[in-house]
PDB file of all heavy atoms in Angstrom:
ATOM      1  N   PHE A   1      90.787  89.371 104.007  1.00  0.00           N
ATOM      2  CA  PHE A   1      90.364  90.636 103.407  1.00  0.00           C
ATOM      3  C   PHE A   1      91.562  91.551 103.147  1.00  0.00           C
ATOM      4  O   PHE A   1      91.563  92.324 102.193  1.00  0.00           O
ATOM      5  CB  PHE A   1      89.333  91.349 104.297  1.00  0.00           C
ATOM      6  CG  PHE A   1      89.906  91.911 105.570  1.00  0.00           C
ATOM      7  CD1 PHE A   1      90.325  93.231 105.630  1.00  0.00           C
ATOM      8  CD2 PHE A   1      90.025  91.115 106.700  1.00  0.00           C
ATOM      9  CE1 PHE A   1      90.850  93.747 106.805  1.00  0.00           C
ATOM     10  CE2 PHE A   1      90.543  91.625 107.874  1.00  0.00           C
ATOM     11  CZ  PHE A   1      90.965  92.938 107.929  1.00  0.00           C
ATOM     12  N   PHE A   2      92.566  91.438 104.008  1.00  0.00           N
ATOM     13  CA  PHE A   2      93.750  92.284 103.824  1.00  0.00           C
ATOM     14  C   PHE A   2      94.475  91.907 102.530  1.00  0.00           C
ATOM     15  O   PHE A   2      94.791  92.766 101.705  1.00  0.00           O
ATOM     16  CB  PHE A   2      94.692  92.179 105.019  1.00  0.00           C
ATOM     17  CG  PHE A   2      95.982  92.898 104.796  1.00  0.00           C
ATOM     18  CD1 PHE A   2      96.018  94.280 104.805  1.00  0.00           C
ATOM     19  CD2 PHE A   2      97.140  92.204 104.515  1.00  0.00           C
ATOM     20  CE1 PHE A   2      97.195  94.958 104.551  1.00  0.00           C
ATOM     21  CE2 PHE A   2      98.318  92.873 104.268  1.00  0.00           C
ATOM     22  CZ  PHE A   2      98.349  94.253 104.284  1.00  0.00           C
ATOM     23  N   ALA A   3      94.743  90.610 102.346  1.00  0.00           N
ATOM     24  CA  ALA A   3      95.416  90.151 101.123  1.00  0.00           C
ATOM     25  C   ALA A   3      94.563  90.448  99.902  1.00  0.00           C
ATOM     26  O   ALA A   3      95.075  90.861  98.859  1.00  0.00           O
ATOM     27  CB  ALA A   3      95.726  88.660 101.219  1.00  0.00           C
ATOM     28  N   LEU A   4      93.262  90.258 100.026  1.00  0.00           N
ATOM     29  CA  LEU A   4      92.367  90.484  98.894  1.00  0.00           C
ATOM     30  C   LEU A   4      92.284  91.960  98.526  1.00  0.00           C
ATOM     31  O   LEU A   4      92.306  92.318  97.345  1.00  0.00           O
ATOM     32  CB  LEU A   4      90.982  89.930  99.224  1.00  0.00           C
ATOM     33  CG  LEU A   4      89.957  89.956  98.110  1.00  0.00           C
ATOM     34  CD1 LEU A   4      90.479  89.309  96.840  1.00  0.00           C
ATOM     35  CD2 LEU A   4      88.686  89.268  98.575  1.00  0.00           C
ATOM     36  N   SER A   5      92.209  92.825  99.519  1.00  0.00           N
ATOM     37  CA  SER A   5      92.153  94.269  99.226  1.00  0.00           C
ATOM     38  C   SER A   5      93.473  94.746  98.626  1.00  0.00           C
ATOM     39  O   SER A   5      93.489  95.568  97.709  1.00  0.00           O
ATOM     40  CB  SER A   5      91.808  95.067 100.479  1.00  0.00           C
ATOM     41  OG  SER A   5      92.808  94.920 101.465  1.00  0.00           O
ATOM     42  N   LEU A   6      94.574  94.206  99.123  1.00  0.00           N
ATOM     43  CA  LEU A   6      95.883  94.543  98.558  1.00  0.00           C
ATOM     44  C   LEU A   6      95.964  94.076  97.112  1.00  0.00           C
ATOM     45  O   LEU A   6      96.464  94.793  96.242  1.00  0.00           O
ATOM     46  CB  LEU A   6      96.986  93.912  99.406  1.00  0.00           C
ATOM     47  CG  LEU A   6      98.426  94.301  99.094  1.00  0.00           C
ATOM     48  CD1 LEU A   6      98.634  95.806  99.222  1.00  0.00           C
ATOM     49  CD2 LEU A   6      99.375  93.559 100.036  1.00  0.00           C
ATOM     50  N   ASN A   7      95.454  92.893  96.840  1.00  0.00           N
ATOM     51  CA  ASN A   7      95.414  92.361  95.488  1.00  0.00           C
ATOM     52  C   ASN A   7      94.606  93.292  94.580  1.00  0.00           C
ATOM     53  O   ASN A   7      95.044  93.650  93.489  1.00  0.00           O
ATOM     54  CB  ASN A   7      94.795  90.957  95.509  1.00  0.00           C
ATOM     55  CG  ASN A   7      95.052  90.157  94.257  1.00  0.00           C
ATOM     56  OD1 ASN A   7      95.117  90.694  93.167  1.00  0.00           O
ATOM     57  ND2 ASN A   7      95.174  88.863  94.426  1.00  0.00           N
ATOM     58  N   GLY A   8      93.441  93.706  95.041  1.00  0.00           N
ATOM     59  CA  GLY A   8      92.608  94.615  94.259  1.00  0.00           C
ATOM     60  C   GLY A   8      93.275  95.953  94.015  1.00  0.00           C
ATOM     61  O   GLY A   8      93.236  96.487  92.905  1.00  0.00           O
ATOM     62  N   ALA A   9      93.920  96.501  95.041  1.00  0.00           N
ATOM     63  CA  ALA A   9      94.580  97.804  94.926  1.00  0.00           C
ATOM     64  C   ALA A   9      95.797  97.739  93.998  1.00  0.00           C
ATOM     65  O   ALA A   9      96.068  98.676  93.255  1.00  0.00           O
ATOM     66  CB  ALA A   9      94.990  98.312  96.300  1.00  0.00           C
ATOM     67  N   LEU A  10      96.524  96.632  94.046  1.00  0.00           N
ATOM     68  CA  LEU A  10      97.744  96.502  93.242  1.00  0.00           C
ATOM     69  C   LEU A  10      97.506  96.012  91.818  1.00  0.00           C
ATOM     70  O   LEU A  10      98.142  96.486  90.877  1.00  0.00           O
ATOM     71  CB  LEU A  10      98.723  95.534  93.924  1.00  0.00           C
ATOM     72  CG  LEU A  10      99.425  96.011  95.177  1.00  0.00           C
ATOM     73  CD1 LEU A  10     100.165  94.854  95.831  1.00  0.00           C
ATOM     74  CD2 LEU A  10     100.388  97.139  94.849  1.00  0.00           C
ATOM     75  N   LEU A  11      96.602  95.040  91.672  1.00  0.00           N
ATOM     76  CA  LEU A  11      96.504  94.321  90.399  1.00  0.00           C
ATOM     77  C   LEU A  11      95.194  94.532  89.653  1.00  0.00           C
ATOM     78  O   LEU A  11      95.049  94.088  88.519  1.00  0.00           O
ATOM     79  CB  LEU A  11      96.733  92.823  90.635  1.00  0.00           C
ATOM     80  CG  LEU A  11      98.074  92.470  91.289  1.00  0.00           C
ATOM     81  CD1 LEU A  11      98.153  90.980  91.580  1.00  0.00           C
ATOM     82  CD2 LEU A  11      99.235  92.917  90.424  1.00  0.00           C
ATOM     83  N   GLY A  12      94.241  95.187  90.268  1.00  0.00           N
ATOM     84  CA  GLY A  12      92.998  95.491  89.578  1.00  0.00           C
ATOM     85  C   GLY A  12      91.907  94.463  89.787  1.00  0.00           C
ATOM     86  O   GLY A  12      92.121  93.398  90.364  1.00  0.00           O
ATOM     87  N   PRO A  13      90.712  94.798  89.277  1.00  0.00           N
ATOM     88  CA  PRO A  13      89.531  93.982  89.558  1.00  0.00           C
ATOM     89  C   PRO A  13      89.580  92.562  88.984  1.00  0.00           C
ATOM     90  O   PRO A  13      89.219  91.602  89.675  1.00  0.00           O
ATOM     91  CB  PRO A  13      88.378  94.768  88.952  1.00  0.00           C
ATOM     92  CG  PRO A  13      88.935  95.957  88.295  1.00  0.00           C
ATOM     93  CD  PRO A  13      90.394  96.014  88.555  1.00  0.00           C
ATOM     94  N   VAL A  14      89.994  92.402  87.763  1.00  0.00           N
ATOM     95  CA  VAL A  14      89.957  91.079  87.130  1.00  0.00           C
ATOM     96  C   VAL A  14      90.934  90.125  87.813  1.00  0.00           C
ATOM     97  O   VAL A  14      90.570  89.003  88.201  1.00  0.00           O
ATOM     98  CB  VAL A  14      90.239  91.171  85.611  1.00  0.00           C
ATOM     99  CG1 VAL A  14      90.354  89.792  84.992  1.00  0.00           C
ATOM    100  CG2 VAL A  14      89.148  91.986  84.923  1.00  0.00           C
ATOM    101  N   THR A  15      92.166  90.578  88.002  1.00  0.00           N
ATOM    102  CA  THR A  15      93.174  89.732  88.646  1.00  0.00           C
ATOM    103  C   THR A  15      92.779  89.425  90.089  1.00  0.00           C
ATOM    104  O   THR A  15      92.903  88.290  90.545  1.00  0.00           O
ATOM    105  CB  THR A  15      94.563  90.392  88.596  1.00  0.00           C
ATOM    106  OG1 THR A  15      94.888  90.642  87.224  1.00  0.00           O
ATOM    107  CG2 THR A  15      95.620  89.508  89.218  1.00  0.00           C
ATOM    108  N   ALA A  16      92.279  90.419  90.802  1.00  0.00           N
ATOM    109  CA  ALA A  16      91.863  90.196  92.193  1.00  0.00           C
ATOM    110  C   ALA A  16      90.691  89.224  92.257  1.00  0.00           C
ATOM    111  O   ALA A  16      90.640  88.358  93.127  1.00  0.00           O
ATOM    112  CB  ALA A  16      91.510  91.515  92.863  1.00  0.00           C
ATOM    113  N   GLY A  17      89.747  89.355  91.347  1.00  0.00           N
ATOM    114  CA  GLY A  17      88.601  88.447  91.323  1.00  0.00           C
ATOM    115  C   GLY A  17      89.023  87.013  91.043  1.00  0.00           C
ATOM    116  O   GLY A  17      88.624  86.085  91.754  1.00  0.00           O
ATOM    117  N   LEU A  18      89.841  86.829  90.019  1.00  0.00           N
ATOM    118  CA  LEU A  18      90.315  85.482  89.684  1.00  0.00           C
ATOM    119  C   LEU A  18      91.190  84.913  90.792  1.00  0.00           C
ATOM    120  O   LEU A  18      91.077  83.736  91.143  1.00  0.00           O
ATOM    121  CB  LEU A  18      91.068  85.499  88.353  1.00  0.00           C
ATOM    122  CG  LEU A  18      90.212  85.785  87.118  1.00  0.00           C
ATOM    123  CD1 LEU A  18      91.092  85.959  85.881  1.00  0.00           C
ATOM    124  CD2 LEU A  18      89.169  84.700  86.896  1.00  0.00           C
ATOM    125  N   SER A  19      92.060  85.748  91.348  1.00  0.00           N
ATOM    126  CA  SER A  19      92.941  85.300  92.437  1.00  0.00           C
ATOM    127  C   SER A  19      92.134  84.839  93.636  1.00  0.00           C
ATOM    128  O   SER A  19      92.462  83.831  94.276  1.00  0.00           O
ATOM    129  CB  SER A  19      93.873  86.433  92.875  1.00  0.00           C
ATOM    130  OG  SER A  19      94.754  86.787  91.852  1.00  0.00           O
ATOM    131  N   SER A  20      91.084  85.564  93.947  1.00  0.00           N
ATOM    132  CA  SER A  20      90.269  85.205  95.091  1.00  0.00           C
ATOM    133  C   SER A  20      89.553  83.875  94.874  1.00  0.00           C
ATOM    134  O   SER A  20      89.403  83.077  95.801  1.00  0.00           O
ATOM    135  CB  SER A  20      89.257  86.315  95.388  1.00  0.00           C
ATOM    136  OG  SER A  20      88.594  86.041  96.586  1.00  0.00           O
ATOM    137  N   MET A  21      89.131  83.626  93.650  1.00  0.00           N
ATOM    138  CA  MET A  21      88.489  82.346  93.343  1.00  0.00           C
ATOM    139  C   MET A  21      89.491  81.198  93.475  1.00  0.00           C
ATOM    140  O   MET A  21      89.176  80.149  94.051  1.00  0.00           O
ATOM    141  CB  MET A  21      87.871  82.390  91.951  1.00  0.00           C
ATOM    142  CG  MET A  21      86.705  83.362  91.851  1.00  0.00           C
ATOM    143  SD  MET A  21      86.068  83.559  90.188  1.00  0.00           S
ATOM    144  CE  MET A  21      85.051  82.090  90.092  1.00  0.00           C
ATOM    145  N   VAL A  22      90.695  81.419  92.969  1.00  0.00           N
ATOM    146  CA  VAL A  22      91.746  80.399  93.088  1.00  0.00           C
ATOM    147  C   VAL A  22      92.076  80.164  94.559  1.00  0.00           C
ATOM    148  O   VAL A  22      92.206  79.015  95.003  1.00  0.00           O
ATOM    149  CB  VAL A  22      93.007  80.820  92.293  1.00  0.00           C
ATOM    150  CG1 VAL A  22      94.195  79.925  92.605  1.00  0.00           C
ATOM    151  CG2 VAL A  22      92.711  80.814  90.790  1.00  0.00           C
ATOM    152  N   ALA A  23      92.194  81.238  95.334  1.00  0.00           N
ATOM    153  CA  ALA A  23      92.500  81.109  96.771  1.00  0.00           C
ATOM    154  C   ALA A  23      91.400  80.338  97.488  1.00  0.00           C
ATOM    155  O   ALA A  23      91.683  79.514  98.367  1.00  0.00           O
ATOM    156  CB  ALA A  23      92.691  82.487  97.400  1.00  0.00           C
ATOM    157  N   ASP A  24      90.156  80.585  97.122  1.00  0.00           N
ATOM    158  CA  ASP A  24      89.046  79.885  97.761  1.00  0.00           C
ATOM    159  C   ASP A  24      89.128  78.381  97.481  1.00  0.00           C
ATOM    160  O   ASP A  24      88.963  77.562  98.395  1.00  0.00           O
ATOM    161  CB  ASP A  24      87.710  80.435  97.255  1.00  0.00           C
ATOM    162  CG  ASP A  24      86.529  79.788  97.946  1.00  0.00           C
ATOM    163  OD1 ASP A  24      86.317  80.102  99.142  1.00  0.00           O
ATOM    164  OD2 ASP A  24      85.837  78.970  97.314  1.00  0.00           O
ATOM    165  N   ILE A  25      89.403  78.023  96.261  1.00  0.00           N
ATOM    166  CA  ILE A  25      89.487  76.598  95.890  1.00  0.00           C
ATOM    167  C   ILE A  25      90.689  75.935  96.559  1.00  0.00           C
ATOM    168  O   ILE A  25      90.569  74.859  97.151  1.00  0.00           O
ATOM    169  CB  ILE A  25      89.532  76.441  94.356  1.00  0.00           C
ATOM    170  CG1 ILE A  25      88.188  76.882  93.758  1.00  0.00           C
ATOM    171  CG2 ILE A  25      89.870  75.003  93.968  1.00  0.00           C
ATOM    172  CD1 ILE A  25      88.197  77.072  92.258  1.00  0.00           C
ATOM    173  N   ILE A  26      91.845  76.578  96.498  1.00  0.00           N
ATOM    174  CA  ILE A  26      93.045  76.013  97.140  1.00  0.00           C
ATOM    175  C   ILE A  26      92.834  75.890  98.646  1.00  0.00           C
ATOM    176  O   ILE A  26      93.161  74.869  99.254  1.00  0.00           O
ATOM    177  CB  ILE A  26      94.298  76.867  96.838  1.00  0.00           C
ATOM    178  CG1 ILE A  26      94.671  76.751  95.359  1.00  0.00           C
ATOM    179  CG2 ILE A  26      95.475  76.452  97.725  1.00  0.00           C
ATOM    180  CD1 ILE A  26      95.751  77.715  94.909  1.00  0.00           C
ATOM    181  N   GLY A  27      92.264  76.919  99.246  1.00  0.00           N
ATOM    182  CA  GLY A  27      91.998  76.892 100.681  1.00  0.00           C
ATOM    183  C   GLY A  27      91.082  75.751 101.065  1.00  0.00           C
ATOM    184  O   GLY A  27      91.307  75.062 102.060  1.00  0.00           O
ATOM    185  N   TYR A  28      90.051  75.537 100.264  1.00  0.00           N
ATOM    186  CA  TYR A  28      89.143  74.431 100.564  1.00  0.00           C
ATOM    187  C   TYR A  28      89.867  73.090 100.430  1.00  0.00           C
ATOM    188  O   TYR A  28      89.669  72.195 101.254  1.00  0.00           O
ATOM    189  CB  TYR A  28      87.913  74.445  99.646  1.00  0.00           C
ATOM    190  CG  TYR A  28      87.005  73.291  99.966  1.00  0.00           C
ATOM    191  CD1 TYR A  28      86.147  73.357 101.058  1.00  0.00           C
ATOM    192  CD2 TYR A  28      87.044  72.114  99.226  1.00  0.00           C
ATOM    193  CE1 TYR A  28      85.349  72.282 101.408  1.00  0.00           C
ATOM    194  CE2 TYR A  28      86.256  71.036  99.566  1.00  0.00           C
ATOM    195  CZ  TYR A  28      85.408  71.120 100.643  1.00  0.00           C
ATOM    196  OH  TYR A  28      84.628  70.054 100.999  1.00  0.00           O
ATOM    197  N   LEU A  29      90.691  72.947  99.400  1.00  0.00           N
ATOM    198  CA  LEU A  29      91.409  71.682  99.205  1.00  0.00           C
ATOM    199  C   LEU A  29      92.381  71.413 100.356  1.00  0.00           C
ATOM    200  O   LEU A  29      92.563  70.264 100.760  1.00  0.00           O
ATOM    201  CB  LEU A  29      92.159  71.689  97.870  1.00  0.00           C
ATOM    202  CG  LEU A  29      91.265  71.682  96.620  1.00  0.00           C
ATOM    203  CD1 LEU A  29      92.109  71.880  95.369  1.00  0.00           C
ATOM    204  CD2 LEU A  29      90.438  70.406  96.537  1.00  0.00           C
ATOM    205  N   LEU A  30      93.000  72.463 100.886  1.00  0.00           N
ATOM    206  CA  LEU A  30      93.958  72.291 101.980  1.00  0.00           C
ATOM    207  C   LEU A  30      93.281  72.058 103.330  1.00  0.00           C
ATOM    208  O   LEU A  30      93.768  71.280 104.151  1.00  0.00           O
ATOM    209  CB  LEU A  30      94.876  73.515 102.081  1.00  0.00           C
ATOM    210  CG  LEU A  30      95.856  73.702 100.937  1.00  0.00           C
ATOM    211  CD1 LEU A  30      96.597  75.016 101.092  1.00  0.00           C
ATOM    212  CD2 LEU A  30      96.831  72.537 100.875  1.00  0.00           C
ATOM    213  N   LYS A  31      92.178  72.757 103.567  1.00  0.00           N
ATOM    214  CA  LYS A  31      91.492  72.631 104.857  1.00  0.00           C
ATOM    215  C   LYS A  31      89.989  72.820 104.653  1.00  0.00           C
ATOM    216  O   LYS A  31      89.448  73.908 104.847  1.00  0.00           O
ATOM    217  CB  LYS A  31      92.029  73.668 105.841  1.00  0.00           C
ATOM    218  CG  LYS A  31      91.486  73.488 107.242  1.00  0.00           C
ATOM    219  CD  LYS A  31      92.035  74.527 108.194  1.00  0.00           C
ATOM    220  CE  LYS A  31      91.392  74.355 109.564  1.00  0.00           C
ATOM    221  NZ  LYS A  31      91.652  75.488 110.412  1.00  0.00           N
ATOM    222  N   PRO A  32      89.322  71.744 104.269  1.00  0.00           N
ATOM    223  CA  PRO A  32      87.882  71.863 104.027  1.00  0.00           C
ATOM    224  C   PRO A  32      87.111  72.129 105.318  1.00  0.00           C
ATOM    225  O   PRO A  32      87.427  71.580 106.362  1.00  0.00           O
ATOM    226  CB  PRO A  32      87.487  70.500 103.448  1.00  0.00           C
ATOM    227  CG  PRO A  32      88.677  69.631 103.525  1.00  0.00           C
ATOM    228  CD  PRO A  32      89.835  70.425 104.003  1.00  0.00           C
ATOM    229  N   THR A  33      86.145  73.013 105.224  1.00  0.00           N
ATOM    230  CA  THR A  33      85.226  73.252 106.337  1.00  0.00           C
ATOM    231  C   THR A  33      83.821  73.144 105.753  1.00  0.00           C
ATOM    232  O   THR A  33      83.382  74.032 105.044  1.00  0.00           O
ATOM    233  CB  THR A  33      85.437  74.642 106.965  1.00  0.00           C
ATOM    234  OG1 THR A  33      85.362  75.621 105.943  1.00  0.00           O
ATOM    235  CG2 THR A  33      86.767  74.743 107.671  1.00  0.00           C
ATOM    236  N   GLY A  34      83.157  72.056 106.036  1.00  0.00           N
ATOM    237  CA  GLY A  34      81.840  71.823 105.463  1.00  0.00           C
ATOM    238  C   GLY A  34      81.966  71.367 104.020  1.00  0.00           C
ATOM    239  O   GLY A  34      83.062  71.143 103.517  1.00  0.00           O
ATOM    240  N   PRO A  35      80.832  71.247 103.358  1.00  0.00           N
ATOM    241  CA  PRO A  35      80.850  70.785 101.972  1.00  0.00           C
ATOM    242  C   PRO A  35      81.380  71.879 101.042  1.00  0.00           C
ATOM    243  O   PRO A  35      81.205  73.067 101.317  1.00  0.00           O
ATOM    244  CB  PRO A  35      79.381  70.480 101.677  1.00  0.00           C
ATOM    245  CG  PRO A  35      78.622  71.352 102.624  1.00  0.00           C
ATOM    246  CD  PRO A  35      79.478  71.476 103.851  1.00  0.00           C
ATOM    247  N   TYR A  36      82.023  71.453  99.936  1.00  0.00           N
ATOM    248  CA  TYR A  36      82.431  72.456  98.945  1.00  0.00           C
ATOM    249  C   TYR A  36      81.183  72.908  98.216  1.00  0.00           C
ATOM    250  O   TYR A  36      80.341  72.108  97.816  1.00  0.00           O
ATOM    251  CB  TYR A  36      83.441  71.899  97.934  1.00  0.00           C
ATOM    252  CG  TYR A  36      83.748  72.931  96.868  1.00  0.00           C
ATOM    253  CD1 TYR A  36      84.565  74.013  97.167  1.00  0.00           C
ATOM    254  CD2 TYR A  36      83.162  72.865  95.615  1.00  0.00           C
ATOM    255  CE1 TYR A  36      84.805  75.005  96.224  1.00  0.00           C
ATOM    256  CE2 TYR A  36      83.397  73.841  94.667  1.00  0.00           C
ATOM    257  CZ  TYR A  36      84.221  74.912  94.975  1.00  0.00           C
ATOM    258  OH  TYR A  36      84.452  75.886  94.053  1.00  0.00           O
ATOM    259  N   PHE A  37      81.073  74.213  98.040  1.00  0.00           N
ATOM    260  CA  PHE A  37      79.948  74.767  97.300  1.00  0.00           C
ATOM    261  C   PHE A  37      80.488  75.877  96.403  1.00  0.00           C
ATOM    262  O   PHE A  37      81.068  76.848  96.904  1.00  0.00           O
ATOM    263  CB  PHE A  37      78.900  75.317  98.278  1.00  0.00           C
ATOM    264  CG  PHE A  37      77.644  75.774  97.613  1.00  0.00           C
ATOM    265  CD1 PHE A  37      76.736  74.856  97.096  1.00  0.00           C
ATOM    266  CD2 PHE A  37      77.360  77.119  97.496  1.00  0.00           C
ATOM    267  CE1 PHE A  37      75.569  75.274  96.472  1.00  0.00           C
ATOM    268  CE2 PHE A  37      76.201  77.555  96.886  1.00  0.00           C
ATOM    269  CZ  PHE A  37      75.289  76.629  96.372  1.00  0.00           C
ATOM    270  N   PRO A  38      80.331  75.742  95.086  1.00  0.00           N
ATOM    271  CA  PRO A  38      80.912  76.731  94.169  1.00  0.00           C
ATOM    272  C   PRO A  38      80.365  78.141  94.344  1.00  0.00           C
ATOM    273  O   PRO A  38      81.000  79.115  93.928  1.00  0.00           O
ATOM    274  CB  PRO A  38      80.607  76.177  92.782  1.00  0.00           C
ATOM    275  CG  PRO A  38      79.587  75.123  92.971  1.00  0.00           C
ATOM    276  CD  PRO A  38      79.652  74.663  94.388  1.00  0.00           C
ATOM    277  N   GLY A  39      79.210  78.276  94.961  1.00  0.00           N
ATOM    278  CA  GLY A  39      78.658  79.610  95.191  1.00  0.00           C
ATOM    279  C   GLY A  39      79.587  80.484  96.014  1.00  0.00           C
ATOM    280  O   GLY A  39      79.747  81.681  95.742  1.00  0.00           O
ATOM    281  N   PHE A  40      80.238  79.879  97.010  1.00  0.00           N
ATOM    282  CA  PHE A  40      81.168  80.660  97.834  1.00  0.00           C
ATOM    283  C   PHE A  40      82.381  81.103  97.026  1.00  0.00           C
ATOM    284  O   PHE A  40      82.939  82.170  97.265  1.00  0.00           O
ATOM    285  CB  PHE A  40      81.596  79.860  99.070  1.00  0.00           C
ATOM    286  CG  PHE A  40      80.474  79.600 100.026  1.00  0.00           C
ATOM    287  CD1 PHE A  40      80.096  78.305 100.326  1.00  0.00           C
ATOM    288  CD2 PHE A  40      79.770  80.642 100.608  1.00  0.00           C
ATOM    289  CE1 PHE A  40      79.057  78.048 101.205  1.00  0.00           C
ATOM    290  CE2 PHE A  40      78.725  80.406 101.490  1.00  0.00           C
ATOM    291  CZ  PHE A  40      78.359  79.104 101.780  1.00  0.00           C
ATOM    292  N   THR A  41      82.778  80.296  96.064  1.00  0.00           N
ATOM    293  CA  THR A  41      83.882  80.674  95.179  1.00  0.00           C
ATOM    294  C   THR A  41      83.466  81.861  94.315  1.00  0.00           C
ATOM    295  O   THR A  41      84.259  82.786  94.088  1.00  0.00           O
ATOM    296  CB  THR A  41      84.300  79.475  94.303  1.00  0.00           C
ATOM    297  OG1 THR A  41      84.651  78.383  95.160  1.00  0.00           O
ATOM    298  CG2 THR A  41      85.479  79.820  93.413  1.00  0.00           C
TER     299      THR A  41
END
């Protein structure tokens, strides 16, 4: 939440939203916990 809020404060809603989706996908690929579900992205 800290990195995400900083992203939103610095780069705005669109960049923060897209960045968070990319982070979610990369995070899952690096360390999956449970099944991948695009809803969480």
